[in-house]
PDB file of N, CA and C in Angstrom:
ATOM      1  N   MET A   1      17.015  14.839  10.422  1.00  0.00           N
ATOM      2  CA  MET A   1      16.142  15.760   9.740  1.00  0.00           C
ATOM      3  C   MET A   1      14.775  15.808  10.421  1.00  0.00           C
ATOM      4  N   LEU A   2      14.321  14.666  10.941  1.00  0.00           N
ATOM      5  CA  LEU A   2      13.045  14.684  11.641  1.00  0.00           C
ATOM      6  C   LEU A   2      13.107  15.587  12.875  1.00  0.00           C
ATOM      7  N   PHE A   3      14.230  15.597  13.561  1.00  0.00           N
ATOM      8  CA  PHE A   3      14.388  16.483  14.718  1.00  0.00           C
ATOM      9  C   PHE A   3      14.188  17.938  14.300  1.00  0.00           C
ATOM     10  N   TYR A   4      14.707  18.289  13.147  1.00  0.00           N
ATOM     11  CA  TYR A   4      14.564  19.657  12.638  1.00  0.00           C
ATOM     12  C   TYR A   4      13.095  20.068  12.562  1.00  0.00           C
ATOM     13  N   THR A   5      12.221  19.119  12.226  1.00  0.00           N
ATOM     14  CA  THR A   5      10.798  19.443  12.075  1.00  0.00           C
ATOM     15  C   THR A   5      10.144  19.862  13.389  1.00  0.00           C
ATOM     16  N   ARG A   6      10.787  19.565  14.494  1.00  0.00           N
ATOM     17  CA  ARG A   6      10.245  19.930  15.806  1.00  0.00           C
ATOM     18  C   ARG A   6      10.762  21.276  16.310  1.00  0.00           C
ATOM     19  N   LEU A   7      11.727  21.832  15.628  1.00  0.00           N
ATOM     20  CA  LEU A   7      12.285  23.107  16.058  1.00  0.00           C
ATOM     21  C   LEU A   7      11.299  24.235  15.788  1.00  0.00           C
ATOM     22  N   GLN A   8      11.182  25.136  16.734  1.00  0.00           N
ATOM     23  CA  GLN A   8      10.227  26.234  16.619  1.00  0.00           C
ATOM     24  C   GLN A   8      10.532  27.123  15.416  1.00  0.00           C
ATOM     25  N   GLN A   9      11.793  27.332  15.128  1.00  0.00           N
ATOM     26  CA  GLN A   9      12.183  28.209  14.038  1.00  0.00           C
ATOM     27  C   GLN A   9      12.373  27.472  12.705  1.00  0.00           C
ATOM     28  N   ALA A  10      11.909  26.225  12.618  1.00  0.00           N
ATOM     29  CA  ALA A  10      12.049  25.436  11.389  1.00  0.00           C
ATOM     30  C   ALA A  10      11.246  26.067  10.254  1.00  0.00           C
ATOM     31  N   ASP A  11      11.836  26.083   9.078  1.00  0.00           N
ATOM     32  CA  ASP A  11      11.160  26.579   7.883  1.00  0.00           C
ATOM     33  C   ASP A  11       9.976  25.661   7.578  1.00  0.00           C
ATOM     34  N   THR A  12       8.794  26.216   7.444  1.00  0.00           N
ATOM     35  CA  THR A  12       7.587  25.390   7.274  1.00  0.00           C
ATOM     36  C   THR A  12       7.598  24.604   5.965  1.00  0.00           C
ATOM     37  N   THR A  13       8.143  25.168   4.905  1.00  0.00           N
ATOM     38  CA  THR A  13       8.209  24.455   3.630  1.00  0.00           C
ATOM     39  C   THR A  13       9.152  23.270   3.729  1.00  0.00           C
ATOM     40  N   LEU A  14      10.299  23.481   4.330  1.00  0.00           N
ATOM     41  CA  LEU A  14      11.266  22.401   4.496  1.00  0.00           C
ATOM     42  C   LEU A  14      10.722  21.340   5.452  1.00  0.00           C
ATOM     43  N   LYS A  15      10.084  21.785   6.515  1.00  0.00           N
ATOM     44  CA  LYS A  15       9.482  20.853   7.468  1.00  0.00           C
ATOM     45  C   LYS A  15       8.461  19.960   6.767  1.00  0.00           C
ATOM     46  N   SER A  16       7.602  20.545   5.968  1.00  0.00           N
ATOM     47  CA  SER A  16       6.591  19.781   5.228  1.00  0.00           C
ATOM     48  C   SER A  16       7.232  18.795   4.259  1.00  0.00           C
ATOM     49  N   ALA A  17       8.301  19.224   3.620  1.00  0.00           N
ATOM     50  CA  ALA A  17       8.994  18.350   2.665  1.00  0.00           C
ATOM     51  C   ALA A  17       9.621  17.148   3.373  1.00  0.00           C
ATOM     52  N   ILE A  18      10.212  17.370   4.532  1.00  0.00           N
ATOM     53  CA  ILE A  18      10.836  16.283   5.300  1.00  0.00           C
ATOM     54  C   ILE A  18       9.779  15.279   5.736  1.00  0.00           C
ATOM     55  N   LEU A  19       8.668  15.774   6.283  1.00  0.00           N
ATOM     56  CA  LEU A  19       7.604  14.882   6.748  1.00  0.00           C
ATOM     57  C   LEU A  19       6.946  14.141   5.578  1.00  0.00           C
ATOM     58  N   ALA A  20       6.787  14.813   4.449  1.00  0.00           N
ATOM     59  CA  ALA A  20       6.210  14.164   3.264  1.00  0.00           C
ATOM     60  C   ALA A  20       7.134  13.069   2.742  1.00  0.00           C
ATOM     61  N   ASP A  21       8.436  13.307   2.784  1.00  0.00           N
ATOM     62  CA  ASP A  21       9.394  12.294   2.334  1.00  0.00           C
ATOM     63  C   ASP A  21       9.352  11.061   3.237  1.00  0.00           C
ATOM     64  N   LYS A  22       9.261  11.275   4.527  1.00  0.00           N
ATOM     65  CA  LYS A  22       9.169  10.158   5.472  1.00  0.00           C
ATOM     66  C   LYS A  22       7.874   9.388   5.249  1.00  0.00           C
ATOM     67  N   LEU A  23       6.767  10.089   5.052  1.00  0.00           N
ATOM     68  CA  LEU A  23       5.494   9.441   4.782  1.00  0.00           C
ATOM     69  C   LEU A  23       5.558   8.639   3.489  1.00  0.00           C
ATOM     70  N   SER A  24       6.246   9.162   2.503  1.00  0.00           N
ATOM     71  CA  SER A  24       6.431   8.429   1.239  1.00  0.00           C
ATOM     72  C   SER A  24       7.184   7.123   1.479  1.00  0.00           C
ATOM     73  N   ASP A  25       8.199   7.165   2.335  1.00  0.00           N
ATOM     74  CA  ASP A  25       8.933   5.943   2.691  1.00  0.00           C
ATOM     75  C   ASP A  25       8.010   4.943   3.373  1.00  0.00           C
ATOM     76  N   VAL A  26       7.196   5.417   4.289  1.00  0.00           N
ATOM     77  CA  VAL A  26       6.280   4.543   5.029  1.00  0.00           C
ATOM     78  C   VAL A  26       5.294   3.879   4.071  1.00  0.00           C
ATOM     79  N   ASN A  27       4.803   4.638   3.106  1.00  0.00           N
ATOM     80  CA  ASN A  27       3.800   4.130   2.172  1.00  0.00           C
ATOM     81  C   ASN A  27       4.385   3.288   1.043  1.00  0.00           C
ATOM     82  N   ALA A  28       5.694   3.128   1.002  1.00  0.00           N
ATOM     83  CA  ALA A  28       6.335   2.387  -0.084  1.00  0.00           C
ATOM     84  C   ALA A  28       6.087   0.887  -0.015  1.00  0.00           C
ATOM     85  N   ALA A  29       5.554   0.395   1.079  1.00  0.00           N
ATOM     86  CA  ALA A  29       5.222  -1.031   1.233  1.00  0.00           C
ATOM     87  C   ALA A  29       6.427  -1.923   0.936  1.00  0.00           C
ATOM     88  N   ASN A  30       7.559  -1.619   1.546  1.00  0.00           N
ATOM     89  CA  ASN A  30       8.778  -2.393   1.314  1.00  0.00           C
ATOM     90  C   ASN A  30       9.157  -3.289   2.489  1.00  0.00           C
ATOM     91  N   GLN A  31       8.268  -3.487   3.405  1.00  0.00           N
ATOM     92  CA  GLN A  31       8.431  -4.353   4.571  1.00  0.00           C
ATOM     93  C   GLN A  31       9.475  -3.865   5.564  1.00  0.00           C
ATOM     94  N   ILE A  32       9.864  -2.629   5.482  1.00  0.00           N
ATOM     95  CA  ILE A  32      10.720  -2.048   6.513  1.00  0.00           C
ATOM     96  C   ILE A  32       9.834  -1.497   7.621  1.00  0.00           C
ATOM     97  N   TYR A  33       8.692  -0.953   7.233  1.00  0.00           N
ATOM     98  CA  TYR A  33       7.780  -0.340   8.187  1.00  0.00           C
ATOM     99  C   TYR A  33       6.655  -1.293   8.533  1.00  0.00           C
ATOM    100  N   ALA A  34       6.407  -1.408   9.852  1.00  0.00           N
ATOM    101  CA  ALA A  34       5.377  -2.315  10.371  1.00  0.00           C
ATOM    102  C   ALA A  34       5.560  -3.690   9.710  1.00  0.00           C
ATOM    103  N   PHE A  35       4.666  -4.587   9.852  1.00  0.00           N
ATOM    104  CA  PHE A  35       4.743  -5.896   9.208  1.00  0.00           C
ATOM    105  C   PHE A  35       3.667  -6.793   9.771  1.00  0.00           C
ATOM    106  N   ALA A  36       3.421  -7.852   9.060  1.00  0.00           N
ATOM    107  CA  ALA A  36       2.519  -8.893   9.564  1.00  0.00           C
ATOM    108  C   ALA A  36       3.358  -9.886  10.354  1.00  0.00           C
ATOM    109  N   ALA A  37       2.797 -10.439  11.401  1.00  0.00           N
ATOM    110  CA  ALA A  37       3.537 -11.381  12.241  1.00  0.00           C
ATOM    111  C   ALA A  37       4.039 -12.571  11.445  1.00  0.00           C
ATOM    112  N   SER A  38       3.376 -12.890  10.342  1.00  0.00           N
ATOM    113  CA  SER A  38       3.772 -14.044   9.540  1.00  0.00           C
ATOM    114  C   SER A  38       4.964 -13.757   8.630  1.00  0.00           C
ATOM    115  N   ASP A  39       5.442 -12.526   8.601  1.00  0.00           N
ATOM    116  CA  ASP A  39       6.548 -12.164   7.716  1.00  0.00           C
ATOM    117  C   ASP A  39       7.860 -12.851   8.079  1.00  0.00           C
ATOM    118  N   ASP A  40       8.015 -13.249   9.337  1.00  0.00           N
ATOM    119  CA  ASP A  40       9.293 -13.780   9.775  1.00  0.00           C
ATOM    120  C   ASP A  40       9.097 -14.607  11.033  1.00  0.00           C
ATOM    121  N   LEU A  41       9.793 -15.719  11.123  1.00  0.00           N
ATOM    122  CA  LEU A  41       9.686 -16.586  12.283  1.00  0.00           C
ATOM    123  C   LEU A  41      10.006 -15.837  13.577  1.00  0.00           C
ATOM    124  N   TYR A  42      10.973 -14.939  13.516  1.00  0.00           N
ATOM    125  CA  TYR A  42      11.387 -14.191  14.708  1.00  0.00           C
ATOM    126  C   TYR A  42      10.676 -12.845  14.825  1.00  0.00           C
ATOM    127  N   ARG A  43       9.635 -12.630  14.045  1.00  0.00           N
ATOM    128  CA  ARG A  43       8.836 -11.400  14.058  1.00  0.00           C
ATOM    129  C   ARG A  43       9.709 -10.159  13.838  1.00  0.00           C
ATOM    130  N   ASN A  44      10.706 -10.307  12.981  1.00  0.00           N
ATOM    131  CA  ASN A  44      11.602  -9.188  12.711  1.00  0.00           C
ATOM    132  C   ASN A  44      12.193  -9.316  11.319  1.00  0.00           C
ATOM    133  N   PHE A  45      11.323  -9.270  10.310  1.00  0.00           N
ATOM    134  CA  PHE A  45      11.729  -9.455   8.914  1.00  0.00           C
ATOM    135  C   PHE A  45      12.800  -8.457   8.499  1.00  0.00           C
ATOM    136  N   MET A  46      13.721  -8.963   7.670  1.00  0.00           N
ATOM    137  CA  MET A  46      14.722  -8.119   7.044  1.00  0.00           C
ATOM    138  C   MET A  46      14.988  -8.706   5.664  1.00  0.00           C
ATOM    139  N   HIS A  47      15.116  -7.875   4.650  1.00  0.00           N
ATOM    140  CA  HIS A  47      15.364  -8.333   3.293  1.00  0.00           C
ATOM    141  C   HIS A  47      16.662  -9.138   3.219  1.00  0.00           C
ATOM    142  N   ASP A  48      16.667 -10.163   2.398  1.00  0.00           N
ATOM    143  CA  ASP A  48      17.849 -11.030   2.269  1.00  0.00           C
ATOM    144  C   ASP A  48      19.112 -10.240   1.935  1.00  0.00           C
ATOM    145  N   ALA A  49      18.977  -9.235   1.098  1.00  0.00           N
ATOM    146  CA  ALA A  49      20.143  -8.440   0.697  1.00  0.00           C
ATOM    147  C   ALA A  49      20.747  -7.663   1.860  1.00  0.00           C
ATOM    148  N   GLN A  50      20.004  -7.517   2.953  1.00  0.00           N
ATOM    149  CA  GLN A  50      20.486  -6.764   4.102  1.00  0.00           C
ATOM    150  C   GLN A  50      21.370  -7.581   5.033  1.00  0.00           C
ATOM    151  N   TYR A  51      21.351  -8.905   4.857  1.00  0.00           N
ATOM    152  CA  TYR A  51      22.156  -9.765   5.730  1.00  0.00           C
ATOM    153  C   TYR A  51      23.615  -9.728   5.294  1.00  0.00           C
ATOM    154  N   GLY A  52      24.488  -9.670   6.249  1.00  0.00           N
ATOM    155  CA  GLY A  52      25.918  -9.657   5.997  1.00  0.00           C
ATOM    156  C   GLY A  52      26.622  -9.323   7.291  1.00  0.00           C
ATOM    157  N   TRP A  53      27.912  -9.102   7.204  1.00  0.00           N
ATOM    158  CA  TRP A  53      28.674  -8.743   8.380  1.00  0.00           C
ATOM    159  C   TRP A  53      28.155  -7.408   8.908  1.00  0.00           C
ATOM    160  N   GLY A  54      27.788  -7.364  10.158  1.00  0.00           N
ATOM    161  CA  GLY A  54      27.279  -6.139  10.760  1.00  0.00           C
ATOM    162  C   GLY A  54      25.817  -5.878  10.472  1.00  0.00           C
ATOM    163  N   SER A  55      25.079  -6.895  10.061  1.00  0.00           N
ATOM    164  CA  SER A  55      23.675  -6.680   9.697  1.00  0.00           C
ATOM    165  C   SER A  55      22.790  -6.325  10.887  1.00  0.00           C
ATOM    166  N   ASN A  56      23.268  -6.540  12.101  1.00  0.00           N
ATOM    167  CA  ASN A  56      22.466  -6.125  13.251  1.00  0.00           C
ATOM    168  C   ASN A  56      22.313  -4.605  13.308  1.00  0.00           C
ATOM    169  N   GLN A  57      23.282  -3.884  12.763  1.00  0.00           N
ATOM    170  CA  GLN A  57      23.144  -2.427  12.699  1.00  0.00           C
ATOM    171  C   GLN A  57      21.985  -2.065  11.771  1.00  0.00           C
ATOM    172  N   THR A  58      21.900  -2.742  10.644  1.00  0.00           N
ATOM    173  CA  THR A  58      20.791  -2.513   9.719  1.00  0.00           C
ATOM    174  C   THR A  58      19.473  -2.878  10.381  1.00  0.00           C
ATOM    175  N   ARG A  59      19.449  -3.998  11.078  1.00  0.00           N
ATOM    176  CA  ARG A  59      18.238  -4.430  11.781  1.00  0.00           C
ATOM    177  C   ARG A  59      17.834  -3.378  12.822  1.00  0.00           C
ATOM    178  N   GLY A  60      18.796  -2.867  13.556  1.00  0.00           N
ATOM    179  CA  GLY A  60      18.510  -1.824  14.533  1.00  0.00           C
ATOM    180  C   GLY A  60      17.960  -0.567  13.878  1.00  0.00           C
ATOM    181  N   ASN A  61      18.483  -0.243  12.698  1.00  0.00           N
ATOM    182  CA  ASN A  61      17.974   0.922  11.966  1.00  0.00           C
ATOM    183  C   ASN A  61      16.528   0.710  11.530  1.00  0.00           C
ATOM    184  N   TYR A  62      16.155  -0.523  11.192  1.00  0.00           N
ATOM    185  CA  TYR A  62      14.753  -0.825  10.878  1.00  0.00           C
ATOM    186  C   TYR A  62      13.888  -0.456  12.087  1.00  0.00           C
ATOM    187  N   GLY A  63      14.328  -0.851  13.269  1.00  0.00           N
ATOM    188  CA  GLY A  63      13.581  -0.529  14.487  1.00  0.00           C
ATOM    189  C   GLY A  63      13.519   0.969  14.735  1.00  0.00           C
ATOM    190  N   ASN A  64      14.651   1.634  14.587  1.00  0.00           N
ATOM    191  CA  ASN A  64      14.701   3.083  14.820  1.00  0.00           C
ATOM    192  C   ASN A  64      13.803   3.848  13.866  1.00  0.00           C
ATOM    193  N   THR A  65      13.806   3.470  12.614  1.00  0.00           N
ATOM    194  CA  THR A  65      13.004   4.195  11.639  1.00  0.00           C
ATOM    195  C   THR A  65      11.511   3.968  11.872  1.00  0.00           C
ATOM    196  N   ASN A  66      11.149   2.813  12.437  1.00  0.00           N
ATOM    197  CA  ASN A  66       9.751   2.579  12.780  1.00  0.00           C
ATOM    198  C   ASN A  66       9.320   3.399  13.980  1.00  0.00           C
ATOM    199  N   ILE A  67      10.160   3.501  14.979  1.00  0.00           N
ATOM    200  CA  ILE A  67       9.773   4.287  16.154  1.00  0.00           C
ATOM    201  C   ILE A  67       9.707   5.777  15.799  1.00  0.00           C
ATOM    202  N   ASP A  68      10.465   6.194  14.787  1.00  0.00           N
ATOM    203  CA  ASP A  68      10.359   7.573  14.311  1.00  0.00           C
ATOM    204  C   ASP A  68       8.952   7.886  13.819  1.00  0.00           C
ATOM    205  N   VAL A  69       8.315   6.920  13.151  1.00  0.00           N
ATOM    206  CA  VAL A  69       6.950   7.129  12.659  1.00  0.00           C
ATOM    207  C   VAL A  69       6.034   7.452  13.830  1.00  0.00           C
ATOM    208  N   ALA A  70       6.187   6.716  14.922  1.00  0.00           N
ATOM    209  CA  ALA A  70       5.361   6.948  16.110  1.00  0.00           C
ATOM    210  C   ALA A  70       5.750   8.248  16.822  1.00  0.00           C
ATOM    211  N   ASN A  71       7.025   8.457  17.021  1.00  0.00           N
ATOM    212  CA  ASN A  71       7.486   9.616  17.796  1.00  0.00           C
ATOM    213  C   ASN A  71       7.231  10.956  17.111  1.00  0.00           C
ATOM    214  N   TYR A  72       7.270  10.969  15.789  1.00  0.00           N
ATOM    215  CA  TYR A  72       7.114  12.223  15.068  1.00  0.00           C
ATOM    216  C   TYR A  72       5.723  12.394  14.478  1.00  0.00           C
ATOM    217  N   GLY A  73       4.810  11.482  14.810  1.00  0.00           N
ATOM    218  CA  GLY A  73       3.425  11.626  14.363  1.00  0.00           C
ATOM    219  C   GLY A  73       3.272  11.674  12.863  1.00  0.00           C
ATOM    220  N   ILE A  74       4.072  10.864  12.171  1.00  0.00           N
ATOM    221  CA  ILE A  74       3.948  10.796  10.721  1.00  0.00           C
ATOM    222  C   ILE A  74       2.506  10.387  10.419  1.00  0.00           C
ATOM    223  N   ALA A  75       1.893  10.992   9.444  1.00  0.00           N
ATOM    224  CA  ALA A  75       0.457  10.842   9.178  1.00  0.00           C
ATOM    225  C   ALA A  75       0.074   9.393   8.857  1.00  0.00           C
ATOM    226  N   VAL A  76      -0.144   8.626   9.885  1.00  0.00           N
ATOM    227  CA  VAL A  76      -0.641   7.259   9.747  1.00  0.00           C
ATOM    228  C   VAL A  76      -1.847   7.112  10.669  1.00  0.00           C
ATOM    229  N   SER A  77      -2.708   6.155  10.375  1.00  0.00           N
ATOM    230  CA  SER A  77      -3.931   6.014  11.173  1.00  0.00           C
ATOM    231  C   SER A  77      -3.636   5.569  12.599  1.00  0.00           C
ATOM    232  N   SER A  78      -2.579   4.772  12.776  1.00  0.00           N
ATOM    233  CA  SER A  78      -2.227   4.299  14.116  1.00  0.00           C
ATOM    234  C   SER A  78      -0.724   4.090  14.191  1.00  0.00           C
ATOM    235  N   SER A  79      -0.138   4.508  15.283  1.00  0.00           N
ATOM    236  CA  SER A  79       1.306   4.313  15.454  1.00  0.00           C
ATOM    237  C   SER A  79       1.626   2.944  16.055  1.00  0.00           C
ATOM    238  N   THR A  80       0.611   2.212  16.490  1.00  0.00           N
ATOM    239  CA  THR A  80       0.824   0.928  17.163  1.00  0.00           C
ATOM    240  C   THR A  80       1.642  -0.073  16.344  1.00  0.00           C
ATOM    241  N   PRO A  81       1.338  -0.299  15.058  1.00  0.00           N
ATOM    242  CA  PRO A  81       2.139  -1.276  14.307  1.00  0.00           C
ATOM    243  C   PRO A  81       3.615  -0.893  14.217  1.00  0.00           C
ATOM    244  N   TYR A  82       3.895   0.403  14.195  1.00  0.00           N
ATOM    245  CA  TYR A  82       5.273   0.878  14.075  1.00  0.00           C
ATOM    246  C   TYR A  82       6.004   0.742  15.407  1.00  0.00           C
ATOM    247  N   THR A  83       5.304   1.021  16.482  1.00  0.00           N
ATOM    248  CA  THR A  83       5.880   0.804  17.812  1.00  0.00           C
ATOM    249  C   THR A  83       6.134  -0.680  18.033  1.00  0.00           C
ATOM    250  N   ASN A  84       5.191  -1.515  17.635  1.00  0.00           N
ATOM    251  CA  ASN A  84       5.372  -2.961  17.774  1.00  0.00           C
ATOM    252  C   ASN A  84       6.564  -3.455  16.979  1.00  0.00           C
ATOM    253  N   ARG A  85       6.738  -2.934  15.779  1.00  0.00           N
ATOM    254  CA  ARG A  85       7.881  -3.331  14.954  1.00  0.00           C
ATOM    255  C   ARG A  85       9.188  -2.966  15.667  1.00  0.00           C
ATOM    256  N   ALA A  86       9.242  -1.786  16.251  1.00  0.00           N
ATOM    257  CA  ALA A  86      10.443  -1.365  16.981  1.00  0.00           C
ATOM    258  C   ALA A  86      10.672  -2.264  18.190  1.00  0.00           C
ATOM    259  N   LEU A  87       9.611  -2.593  18.910  1.00  0.00           N
ATOM    260  CA  LEU A  87       9.740  -3.474  20.075  1.00  0.00           C
ATOM    261  C   LEU A  87      10.187  -4.873  19.665  1.00  0.00           C
ATOM    262  N   GLU A  88       9.695  -5.371  18.542  1.00  0.00           N
ATOM    263  CA  GLU A  88      10.121  -6.690  18.075  1.00  0.00           C
ATOM    264  C   GLU A  88      11.601  -6.693  17.714  1.00  0.00           C
ATOM    265  N   THR A  89      12.119  -5.559  17.294  1.00  0.00           N
ATOM    266  CA  THR A  89      13.559  -5.463  17.039  1.00  0.00           C
ATOM    267  C   THR A  89      14.328  -5.624  18.347  1.00  0.00           C
ATOM    268  N   LEU A  90      13.870  -4.955  19.387  1.00  0.00           N
ATOM    269  CA  LEU A  90      14.502  -5.129  20.705  1.00  0.00           C
ATOM    270  C   LEU A  90      14.408  -6.580  21.153  1.00  0.00           C
ATOM    271  N   HIS A  91      13.260  -7.190  20.943  1.00  0.00           N
ATOM    272  CA  HIS A  91      13.079  -8.589  21.335  1.00  0.00           C
ATOM    273  C   HIS A  91      14.007  -9.500  20.542  1.00  0.00           C
ATOM    274  N   TYR A  92      14.221  -9.192  19.284  1.00  0.00           N
ATOM    275  CA  TYR A  92      15.140  -9.986  18.475  1.00  0.00           C
ATOM    276  C   TYR A  92      16.542  -9.961  19.082  1.00  0.00           C
ATOM    277  N   PHE A  93      16.974  -8.782  19.503  1.00  0.00           N
ATOM    278  CA  PHE A  93      18.306  -8.646  20.078  1.00  0.00           C
ATOM    279  C   PHE A  93      18.431  -9.245  21.478  1.00  0.00           C
ATOM    280  N   HIS A  94      17.416  -9.042  22.301  1.00  0.00           N
ATOM    281  CA  HIS A  94      17.531  -9.372  23.722  1.00  0.00           C
ATOM    282  C   HIS A  94      16.632 -10.494  24.205  1.00  0.00           C
ATOM    283  N   GLY A  95      15.790 -11.026  23.346  1.00  0.00           N
ATOM    284  CA  GLY A  95      14.862 -12.074  23.745  1.00  0.00           C
ATOM    285  C   GLY A  95      13.540 -11.485  24.203  1.00  0.00           C
ATOM    286  N   VAL A  96      12.582 -12.360  24.366  1.00  0.00           N
ATOM    287  CA  VAL A  96      11.239 -11.951  24.761  1.00  0.00           C
ATOM    288  C   VAL A  96      10.935 -12.531  26.127  1.00  0.00           C
ATOM    289  N   ASN A  97      10.405 -11.724  27.012  1.00  0.00           N
ATOM    290  CA  ASN A  97       9.989 -12.203  28.320  1.00  0.00           C
ATOM    291  C   ASN A  97       8.715 -13.025  28.132  1.00  0.00           C
ATOM    292  N   PRO A  98       8.718 -14.293  28.538  1.00  0.00           N
ATOM    293  CA  PRO A  98       7.535 -15.129  28.311  1.00  0.00           C
ATOM    294  C   PRO A  98       6.365 -14.785  29.227  1.00  0.00           C
ATOM    295  N   LEU A  99       6.612 -13.980  30.241  1.00  0.00           N
ATOM    296  CA  LEU A  99       5.535 -13.605  31.152  1.00  0.00           C
ATOM    297  C   LEU A  99       4.747 -12.452  30.539  1.00  0.00           C
ATOM    298  N   PRO A 100       3.463 -12.377  30.814  1.00  0.00           N
ATOM    299  CA  PRO A 100       2.655 -11.296  30.218  1.00  0.00           C
ATOM    300  C   PRO A 100       3.092  -9.930  30.728  1.00  0.00           C
ATOM    301  N   ARG A 101       2.908  -8.944  29.880  1.00  0.00           N
ATOM    302  CA  ARG A 101       3.190  -7.552  30.261  1.00  0.00           C
ATOM    303  C   ARG A 101       2.037  -7.050  31.094  1.00  0.00           C
ATOM    304  N   PHE A 102       2.358  -6.236  32.062  1.00  0.00           N
ATOM    305  CA  PHE A 102       1.324  -5.597  32.864  1.00  0.00           C
ATOM    306  C   PHE A 102       1.283  -4.138  32.487  1.00  0.00           C
ATOM    307  N   THR A 103       0.100  -3.623  32.286  1.00  0.00           N
ATOM    308  CA  THR A 103      -0.011  -2.215  31.871  1.00  0.00           C
ATOM    309  C   THR A 103      -0.581  -1.383  32.990  1.00  0.00           C
TER     310      THR A 103
END
């Protein structure tokens, strides 16, 4: 649905409703979006109820939904915490390079 909001011929009312719904999810403060580093030892918090067989798919969806906030410019003051949350999901799956990043 977020992709639809980028289409030139997208209905403006529907586009606004989709973006408002996503912003409502972001503002729900349910620890899916962004997070404090202290939330989890592995810097990738997930609710206890989400753990089970195949829970890595759910964890990956946490990362994907955070990068959507950054990619679609959902009305937040900074996309950095959401990008970081998505990157920490990748790090959870693949490990973290102990060497510093070069920019």
